[in-house]
Structures are given as C-alpha cells and as structure tokens.
C-alpha atoms as a PDB file:
ATOM      1  CA  MET A   1      17.604 -17.201  13.338  1.00  0.00           C
ATOM      2  CA  ALA A   2      14.249 -15.385  12.992  1.00  0.00           C
ATOM      3  CA  LYS A   3      11.167 -17.468  12.587  1.00  0.00           C
ATOM      4  CA  GLU A   4       8.886 -16.281   9.317  1.00  0.00           C
ATOM      5  CA  ALA A   5       5.215 -15.502   9.795  1.00  0.00           C
ATOM      6  CA  SER A   6       2.458 -17.381   8.181  1.00  0.00           C
ATOM      7  CA  TYR A   7      -0.654 -15.660   7.998  1.00  0.00           C
ATOM      8  CA  PRO A   8      -3.596 -17.773   6.736  1.00  0.00           C
ATOM      9  CA  THR A   9      -5.298 -16.741   3.671  1.00  0.00           C
ATOM     10  CA  ALA A  10      -9.233 -15.046   3.080  1.00  0.00           C
ATOM     11  CA  THR A  11     -11.112 -13.898   0.213  1.00  0.00           C
ATOM     12  CA  TYR A  12     -11.465 -10.184   0.486  1.00  0.00           C
ATOM     13  CA  GLN A  13     -13.946  -7.677  -1.369  1.00  0.00           C
ATOM     14  CA  ILE A  14     -12.918  -4.417  -1.732  1.00  0.00           C
ATOM     15  CA  GLN A  15     -14.812  -1.535  -3.622  1.00  0.00           C
ATOM     16  CA  VAL A  16     -13.201   1.682  -5.350  1.00  0.00           C
ATOM     17  CA  PRO A  17     -15.322   4.612  -6.944  1.00  0.00           C
ATOM     18  CA  GLY A  18     -14.680   4.558 -10.385  1.00  0.00           C
ATOM     19  CA  GLU A  19     -14.086   2.445 -13.422  1.00  0.00           C
ATOM     20  CA  LEU A  20     -10.831   0.303 -13.323  1.00  0.00           C
ATOM     21  CA  ASP A  21     -10.310  -1.575 -16.271  1.00  0.00           C
ATOM     22  CA  GLU A  22      -8.552  -5.268 -17.324  1.00  0.00           C
ATOM     23  CA  SER A  23      -5.393  -3.310 -17.713  1.00  0.00           C
ATOM     24  CA  TRP A  24      -4.928  -3.114 -13.804  1.00  0.00           C
ATOM     25  CA  SER A  25      -5.500  -6.762 -13.088  1.00  0.00           C
ATOM     26  CA  ASP A  26      -1.804  -7.506 -12.876  1.00  0.00           C
ATOM     27  CA  TRP A  27      -0.881  -4.534 -10.783  1.00  0.00           C
ATOM     28  CA  LEU A  28      -3.474  -5.330  -8.424  1.00  0.00           C
ATOM     29  CA  ALA A  29      -2.234  -8.574  -7.359  1.00  0.00           C
ATOM     30  CA  GLY A  30      -4.428 -10.776  -9.411  1.00  0.00           C
ATOM     31  CA  MET A  31      -7.599  -9.768  -8.216  1.00  0.00           C
ATOM     32  CA  THR A  32     -10.502 -10.197  -9.909  1.00  0.00           C
ATOM     33  CA  MET A  33     -12.529  -6.910 -11.153  1.00  0.00           C
ATOM     34  CA  ALA A  34     -16.349  -6.017 -11.548  1.00  0.00           C
ATOM     35  CA  VAL A  35     -17.448  -2.863 -12.295  1.00  0.00           C
ATOM     36  CA  GLU A  36     -21.084  -2.179 -11.042  1.00  0.00           C
ATOM     37  CA  SER A  37     -23.046   0.825 -12.000  1.00  0.00           C
ATOM     38  CA  GLU A  38     -26.808   1.595 -11.050  1.00  0.00           C
ATOM     39  CA  GLY A  39     -28.813   4.171 -12.873  1.00  0.00           C
ATOM     40  CA  GLU A  40     -27.155   7.879 -12.060  1.00  0.00           C
ATOM     41  CA  ASP A  41     -24.808   6.550  -9.456  1.00  0.00           C
ATOM     42  CA  PRO A  42     -21.109   6.728 -10.377  1.00  0.00           C
ATOM     43  CA  PRO A  43     -19.572   3.533 -11.511  1.00  0.00           C
ATOM     44  CA  VAL A  44     -17.800   1.346  -8.553  1.00  0.00           C
ATOM     45  CA  THR A  45     -14.998  -1.204  -9.316  1.00  0.00           C
ATOM     46  CA  ILE A  46     -15.167  -4.298  -7.133  1.00  0.00           C
ATOM     47  CA  LEU A  47     -12.102  -6.313  -6.587  1.00  0.00           C
ATOM     48  CA  THR A  48     -12.540  -9.557  -5.247  1.00  0.00           C
ATOM     49  CA  GLY A  49      -9.477 -12.334  -4.363  1.00  0.00           C
ATOM     50  CA  LYS A  50      -8.003 -15.077  -2.016  1.00  0.00           C
ATOM     51  CA  LEU A  51      -4.885 -12.721  -0.360  1.00  0.00           C
ATOM     52  CA  ASP A  52      -2.936 -13.317   2.906  1.00  0.00           C
ATOM     53  CA  GLN A  53      -2.609 -10.435   5.424  1.00  0.00           C
ATOM     54  CA  ALA A  54       1.150  -9.159   3.691  1.00  0.00           C
ATOM     55  CA  ALA A  55      -0.465  -9.236   0.162  1.00  0.00           C
ATOM     56  CA  LEU A  56      -3.892  -7.268   1.511  1.00  0.00           C
ATOM     57  CA  HIS A  57      -1.415  -4.432   3.234  1.00  0.00           C
ATOM     58  CA  GLY A  58       0.391  -4.339  -0.236  1.00  0.00           C
ATOM     59  CA  LEU A  59      -2.704  -4.046  -2.288  1.00  0.00           C
ATOM     60  CA  LEU A  60      -4.203  -1.343  -0.087  1.00  0.00           C
ATOM     61  CA  ARG A  61      -1.121   0.612  -0.431  1.00  0.00           C
ATOM     62  CA  ARG A  62      -0.753   0.286  -4.138  1.00  0.00           C
ATOM     63  CA  LEU A  63      -4.766   1.507  -4.283  1.00  0.00           C
ATOM     64  CA  TYR A  64      -3.610   4.526  -1.588  1.00  0.00           C
ATOM     65  CA  SER A  65      -0.143   5.428  -3.659  1.00  0.00           C
ATOM     66  CA  LEU A  66      -3.387   5.946  -6.776  1.00  0.00           C
ATOM     67  CA  GLY A  67      -5.186   8.427  -5.089  1.00  0.00           C
ATOM     68  CA  LEU A  68      -8.376   5.899  -4.996  1.00  0.00           C
ATOM     69  CA  PRO A  69     -10.407   6.308  -1.749  1.00  0.00           C
ATOM     70  CA  LEU A  70     -11.621   2.855  -0.390  1.00  0.00           C
ATOM     71  CA  ILE A  71     -15.491   2.479  -0.130  1.00  0.00           C
ATOM     72  CA  SER A  72     -15.241  -0.719   1.441  1.00  0.00           C
ATOM     73  CA  VAL A  73     -13.046  -3.463   2.680  1.00  0.00           C
ATOM     74  CA  ASN A  74     -14.754  -6.927   3.401  1.00  0.00           C
ATOM     75  CA  CYS A  75     -13.346 -10.558   4.342  1.00  0.00           C
ATOM     76  CA  ILE A  76     -16.270 -12.273   2.702  1.00  0.00           C
ATOM     77  CA  GLU A  77     -14.646 -16.057   3.336  1.00  0.00           C
ATOM     78  CA  GLY A  78     -11.785 -16.686   5.832  1.00  0.00           C
END
C-alpha cells in the first residue's frame, strides 16, 4: 500500500492584477482577499491564506485557468 505524503502548511500571499470581488472567495480555496490601488496604478488583488503544497498548486492552476497572470507568490510564514 502506498504511503500518502503529508505536506506542512504555510501562509502564502499571492498577488494578481485587477480587482476580484468577494464572490470569488469560495472558488479561491477560502483565501482572504484585499484589493490595493495606489494613485493611477491599476488595482492589485492580494490573496492570503494557509495552504499545503497540494492546495497551493491547485490554487495556482485555478488562477491559470482564469488567465490571470501572477505578480508574485510569497511564503510569508511557514
């Protein structure tokens, strides 16, 4: 029987361009969302939440399927 891998969770912050509204929160694995906008710069949505490696990979695939380019992906607490 194959042993199931267990990955530790960490807190990630992912930035994507544009303004995603709260209706996306369930679709985005329960990540908290904040939108930042500075002056004339376009808005940036910041997703923050605790994920393991499999959940992070799944979330990145969902963002890819939406056609959203990534500005950054950072592990802010692990």
